[in-house]
């Protein structure tokens, strides 16, 4: 069963303009993400699905594989589906372009779920949340799932929401009560192509979370828990912290 990684790369970004082209480390952010994704052992290739010549040229400049896609695509899911339609692969992995520190092991975990569970059509990851500040941050997407790991819901709000308020016991309990959703997905190719044809749901549009389209239409998402989430880049502060970490490790 073969798998490939597709990185949806959008030129415009709301909170940090043109962030995938930031290069204070000597490499663009999209190159960092591409190289991190390439460390996964199971996928056979990595391709960037972009919507702008500037990103296309940036990926070509470091020797990466890149495809221009419809600039009017509704979402990253639709963008990777456009590329996946032209590929011969069983499993498609969606790695966000602003995840320069994503681990190869995390990607392999998402792929392994679909290999080991023939009935699963889509997988993703989650990590425990131990910080109240992070728990209450809307940019941290929360996930809840059942005893078999099947997703129940994703939200920018605190879920589950303790009726009497959040306490230290809630944040330190074992097993964890709160989980951060990690925006990495693996899909069976046929399911991804089907998903891209489904209309967005009110839930998806309200929370601005693509994965809610899947749940709305009655499809399952299998969730695996990993120890820690990599730091994504959403703001200038996130990027500055990444630059400092990068300097310490090079």
Protein backbone atom coordinates (compact mmCIF):
# COMPACT_ATOMS: atom_id res chain seq x y z
CA UNK A 1 0.00 0.00 0.00
CA UNK A 2 1.78 3.13 -1.19
CA UNK A 3 1.42 6.63 0.24
CA UNK A 4 2.45 10.13 -0.79
CA UNK A 5 2.60 13.50 0.96
CA UNK A 6 0.99 16.59 -0.54
CA UNK A 7 1.62 19.97 1.10
CA UNK A 8 -1.10 22.56 0.29
CA UNK A 9 0.63 25.94 0.06
CA UNK A 10 -1.44 29.11 -0.10
CA UNK A 11 0.29 32.39 -0.92
CA UNK A 12 -2.12 34.63 0.98
CA UNK A 13 -2.36 34.16 4.73
CA UNK A 14 -4.51 36.22 7.08
CA UNK A 15 -2.36 36.73 10.17
CA UNK A 16 1.12 36.47 8.66
CA UNK A 17 1.23 37.61 5.01
CA UNK A 18 3.22 35.42 2.60
CA UNK A 19 4.50 33.40 5.56
CA UNK A 20 5.57 30.38 3.49
CA UNK A 21 8.19 32.56 1.80
CA UNK A 22 9.72 33.94 5.01
CA UNK A 23 13.42 33.08 4.99
CA UNK A 24 15.22 34.53 8.01
CA UNK A 25 16.84 31.13 8.62
CA UNK A 26 18.36 31.07 5.15
CA UNK A 27 15.55 28.79 3.91
CA UNK A 28 11.94 29.57 3.17
CA UNK A 29 9.33 28.24 5.57
CA UNK A 30 7.95 25.99 2.82
CA UNK A 31 11.42 24.47 2.36
CA UNK A 32 11.68 23.71 6.08
CA UNK A 33 8.30 21.98 5.98
CA UNK A 34 9.18 20.07 2.81
CA UNK A 35 12.42 18.81 4.33
CA UNK A 36 10.72 17.86 7.60
CA UNK A 37 8.01 15.91 5.75
CA UNK A 38 10.66 14.15 3.67
CA UNK A 39 11.97 12.47 6.84
CA UNK A 40 8.87 10.25 7.06
CA UNK A 41 9.74 6.65 6.22
CA UNK A 42 6.46 5.33 4.80
CA UNK A 43 5.44 7.90 2.13
CA UNK A 44 7.21 7.54 -1.20
CA UNK A 45 7.23 11.20 -2.23
CA UNK A 46 6.50 14.79 -1.23
CA UNK A 47 4.79 17.34 -3.50
CA UNK A 48 3.76 20.93 -2.85
CA UNK A 49 0.35 21.98 -4.20
CA UNK A 50 0.56 25.76 -4.55
CA UNK A 51 -1.60 28.59 -5.84
CA UNK A 52 0.97 31.25 -6.77
CA UNK A 53 4.08 31.48 -9.00
CA UNK A 54 6.18 32.84 -6.11
CA UNK A 55 5.72 29.64 -4.11
CA UNK A 56 6.16 27.52 -7.23
CA UNK A 57 9.50 29.20 -7.95
CA UNK A 58 10.61 28.93 -4.32
CA UNK A 59 10.03 25.17 -4.27
CA UNK A 60 11.72 24.70 -7.64
CA UNK A 61 14.73 26.68 -6.37
CA UNK A 62 15.54 24.03 -3.74
CA UNK A 63 14.77 21.09 -6.03
CA UNK A 64 11.38 20.21 -4.60
CA UNK A 65 8.41 18.75 -6.42
CA UNK A 66 5.62 21.30 -6.93
CA UNK A 67 2.34 21.59 -8.85
CA UNK A 68 0.29 24.71 -9.56
CA UNK A 69 -3.36 24.32 -8.53
CA UNK A 70 -6.55 26.33 -8.85
CA UNK A 71 -6.04 29.63 -6.94
CA UNK A 72 -9.77 29.62 -6.19
CA UNK A 73 -9.77 26.26 -4.39
CA UNK A 74 -12.10 26.42 -1.39
CA UNK A 75 -9.68 24.78 1.04
CA UNK A 76 -6.44 22.87 1.44
CA UNK A 77 -8.44 19.64 1.17
CA UNK A 78 -9.72 20.65 -2.25
CA UNK A 79 -6.24 21.71 -3.31
CA UNK A 80 -4.63 18.38 -2.50
CA UNK A 81 -7.54 16.49 -4.04
CA UNK A 82 -6.82 18.29 -7.32
CA UNK A 83 -3.29 16.86 -7.27
CA UNK A 84 -4.30 13.45 -5.88
CA UNK A 85 -6.68 12.94 -8.82
CA UNK A 86 -3.60 12.72 -11.07
CA UNK A 87 -1.64 10.33 -8.82
CA UNK A 88 -1.54 6.56 -8.48
CA UNK A 89 -1.43 6.23 -4.69
CA UNK A 90 -3.47 4.42 -2.05
CA UNK A 91 -2.98 6.93 0.77
CA UNK A 92 -2.63 10.70 0.54
CA UNK A 93 -1.11 12.60 3.45
CA UNK A 94 -1.95 16.27 3.96
CA UNK A 95 0.89 18.11 5.74
CA UNK A 96 0.22 21.81 6.32
CA UNK A 97 2.78 24.15 4.76
CA UNK A 98 3.33 26.03 8.01
CA UNK A 99 4.54 22.99 9.99
CA UNK A 100 8.34 23.23 9.66
CA UNK A 101 8.95 21.04 12.71
CA UNK A 102 6.50 18.23 11.95
CA UNK A 103 8.14 14.90 12.70
CA UNK A 104 8.51 12.09 10.23
CA UNK A 105 7.35 9.70 12.96
CA UNK A 106 4.06 11.62 13.34
CA UNK A 107 3.41 11.37 9.61
CA UNK A 108 4.18 7.65 9.65
CA UNK A 109 1.75 7.19 12.56
CA UNK A 110 -1.10 8.72 10.56
CA UNK A 111 -0.29 6.49 7.57
CA UNK A 112 0.04 3.38 9.73
CA UNK A 113 -3.52 3.85 11.04
CA UNK A 114 -4.93 3.38 7.55
CA UNK A 115 -2.61 0.48 6.77
CA UNK A 116 -3.60 -1.36 9.96
CA UNK A 117 -7.32 -0.48 9.84
CA UNK A 118 -8.82 -1.40 6.46
CA UNK A 119 -12.21 0.10 7.38
CA UNK A 120 -10.77 3.53 8.28
CA UNK A 121 -10.93 6.12 5.50
CA UNK A 122 -9.19 9.06 7.20
CA UNK A 123 -6.81 9.55 10.11
CA UNK A 124 -5.35 12.40 12.11
CA UNK A 125 -3.41 13.04 15.33
CA UNK A 126 -3.89 14.67 18.72
CA UNK A 127 -1.65 15.51 21.69
CA UNK A 128 -2.46 16.23 25.35
CA UNK A 129 -3.02 19.84 26.43
CA UNK A 130 -1.57 20.71 29.85
CA UNK A 131 -1.63 24.51 29.66
CA UNK A 132 -4.78 26.48 30.56
CA UNK A 133 -3.65 29.40 28.41
CA UNK A 134 -3.22 27.15 25.40
CA UNK A 135 -6.47 25.32 26.12
CA UNK A 136 -8.41 28.60 26.02
CA UNK A 137 -6.66 29.89 22.88
CA UNK A 138 -9.02 29.65 19.86
CA UNK A 139 -6.06 29.03 17.56
CA UNK A 140 -5.50 25.76 19.42
CA UNK A 141 -8.07 23.38 17.96
CA UNK A 142 -9.38 20.85 20.45
CA UNK A 143 -10.40 17.25 19.67
CA UNK A 144 -12.59 14.74 21.46
CA UNK A 145 -12.81 11.09 20.47
CA UNK A 146 -14.34 7.87 21.74
CA UNK A 147 -12.70 4.85 23.36
CA UNK A 148 -11.81 3.40 19.95
CA UNK A 149 -10.14 6.63 18.80
CA UNK A 150 -12.97 7.71 16.50
CA UNK A 151 -13.39 11.50 16.41
CA UNK A 152 -16.53 12.91 18.00
CA UNK A 153 -15.92 16.62 17.42
CA UNK A 154 -13.31 19.32 16.86
CA UNK A 155 -13.64 22.90 18.11
CA UNK A 156 -11.82 26.13 18.78
CA UNK A 157 -13.72 26.27 22.07
CA UNK A 158 -12.79 24.30 25.18
CA UNK A 159 -14.13 20.77 24.75
CA UNK A 160 -15.07 19.02 26.88
CA UNK A 161 -16.15 22.05 28.91
CA UNK A 162 -16.06 21.44 32.68
CA UNK A 163 -19.37 22.62 34.13
CA UNK A 164 -17.78 24.08 37.25
CA UNK A 165 -14.82 25.68 35.48
CA UNK A 166 -11.34 24.46 34.57
CA UNK A 167 -9.17 23.35 37.49
CA UNK A 168 -5.58 22.22 37.80
CA UNK A 169 -6.87 18.68 38.29
CA UNK A 170 -8.50 18.83 34.86
CA UNK A 171 -5.18 19.80 33.28
CA UNK A 172 -3.02 17.22 35.06
CA UNK A 173 -5.27 14.17 35.16
CA UNK A 174 -4.35 10.85 33.58
CA UNK A 175 -5.46 9.90 31.07
CA UNK A 176 -5.60 13.47 29.74
CA UNK A 177 -8.95 15.20 29.47
CA UNK A 178 -8.02 17.79 26.83
CA UNK A 179 -6.36 17.14 23.48
CA UNK A 180 -5.00 19.45 20.83
CA UNK A 181 -5.81 18.48 17.29
CA UNK A 182 -2.77 18.28 15.06
CA UNK A 183 -3.60 19.43 11.54
CA UNK A 184 -2.12 16.46 9.72
CA UNK A 185 -4.38 14.08 7.82
CA UNK A 186 -4.06 10.84 5.93
CA UNK A 187 -6.85 9.82 3.53
CA UNK A 188 -7.56 6.89 1.31
CA UNK A 189 -7.35 8.43 -2.14
CA UNK A 190 -10.91 7.50 -3.16
CA UNK A 191 -12.30 9.03 0.02
CA UNK A 192 -10.33 12.26 -0.47
CA UNK A 193 -11.72 12.66 -3.98
CA UNK A 194 -15.24 12.02 -2.65
CA UNK A 195 -14.73 14.48 0.21
CA UNK A 196 -13.66 17.26 -2.13
CA UNK A 197 -17.03 16.99 -3.89
CA UNK A 198 -19.09 17.34 -0.72
CA UNK A 199 -20.50 20.78 0.13
CA UNK A 200 -19.09 22.61 3.16
CA UNK A 201 -21.26 22.27 6.24
CA UNK A 202 -22.51 24.97 8.59
CA UNK A 203 -20.25 23.54 11.29
CA UNK A 204 -17.19 23.77 9.05
CA UNK A 205 -17.97 27.35 8.11
CA UNK A 206 -18.80 28.42 11.67
CA UNK A 207 -15.62 27.02 13.26
CA UNK A 208 -13.49 27.43 10.12
CA UNK A 209 -12.37 23.80 10.44
CA UNK A 210 -12.33 21.68 7.30
CA UNK A 211 -12.45 18.36 9.19
CA UNK A 212 -15.98 19.12 10.38
CA UNK A 213 -17.18 18.58 6.82
CA UNK A 214 -16.20 14.92 7.26
CA UNK A 215 -18.15 14.48 10.50
CA UNK A 216 -21.17 16.39 9.20
CA UNK A 217 -21.52 13.98 6.29
CA UNK A 218 -21.37 10.94 8.60
CA UNK A 219 -17.84 9.79 7.82
CA UNK A 220 -15.33 8.71 10.43
CA UNK A 221 -11.92 10.12 11.35
CA UNK A 222 -9.60 7.86 13.31
CA UNK A 223 -7.42 9.71 15.84
CA UNK A 224 -4.05 8.57 17.19
CA UNK A 225 -2.49 10.22 20.22
CA UNK A 226 1.15 11.30 20.19
CA UNK A 227 3.12 12.76 23.09
CA UNK A 228 3.61 16.30 21.84
CA UNK A 229 2.54 18.58 19.02
CA UNK A 230 5.03 20.39 16.82
CA UNK A 231 4.77 24.17 16.85
CA UNK A 232 2.99 25.50 13.76
CA UNK A 233 3.53 29.01 12.42
CA UNK A 234 0.45 31.24 12.59
CA UNK A 235 1.83 34.60 13.73
CA UNK A 236 4.98 36.70 13.54
CA UNK A 237 5.73 35.70 17.14
CA UNK A 238 5.50 32.00 16.20
CA UNK A 239 7.93 32.55 13.35
CA UNK A 240 10.40 34.50 15.48
CA UNK A 241 10.44 31.68 18.04
CA UNK A 242 11.03 29.18 15.25
CA UNK A 243 13.95 31.23 13.92
CA UNK A 244 15.55 31.24 17.39
CA UNK A 245 15.10 27.48 17.78
CA UNK A 246 16.56 26.92 14.34
CA UNK A 247 19.65 28.96 15.19
CA UNK A 248 20.20 26.91 18.34
CA UNK A 249 20.14 23.63 16.41
CA UNK A 250 22.30 24.63 13.42
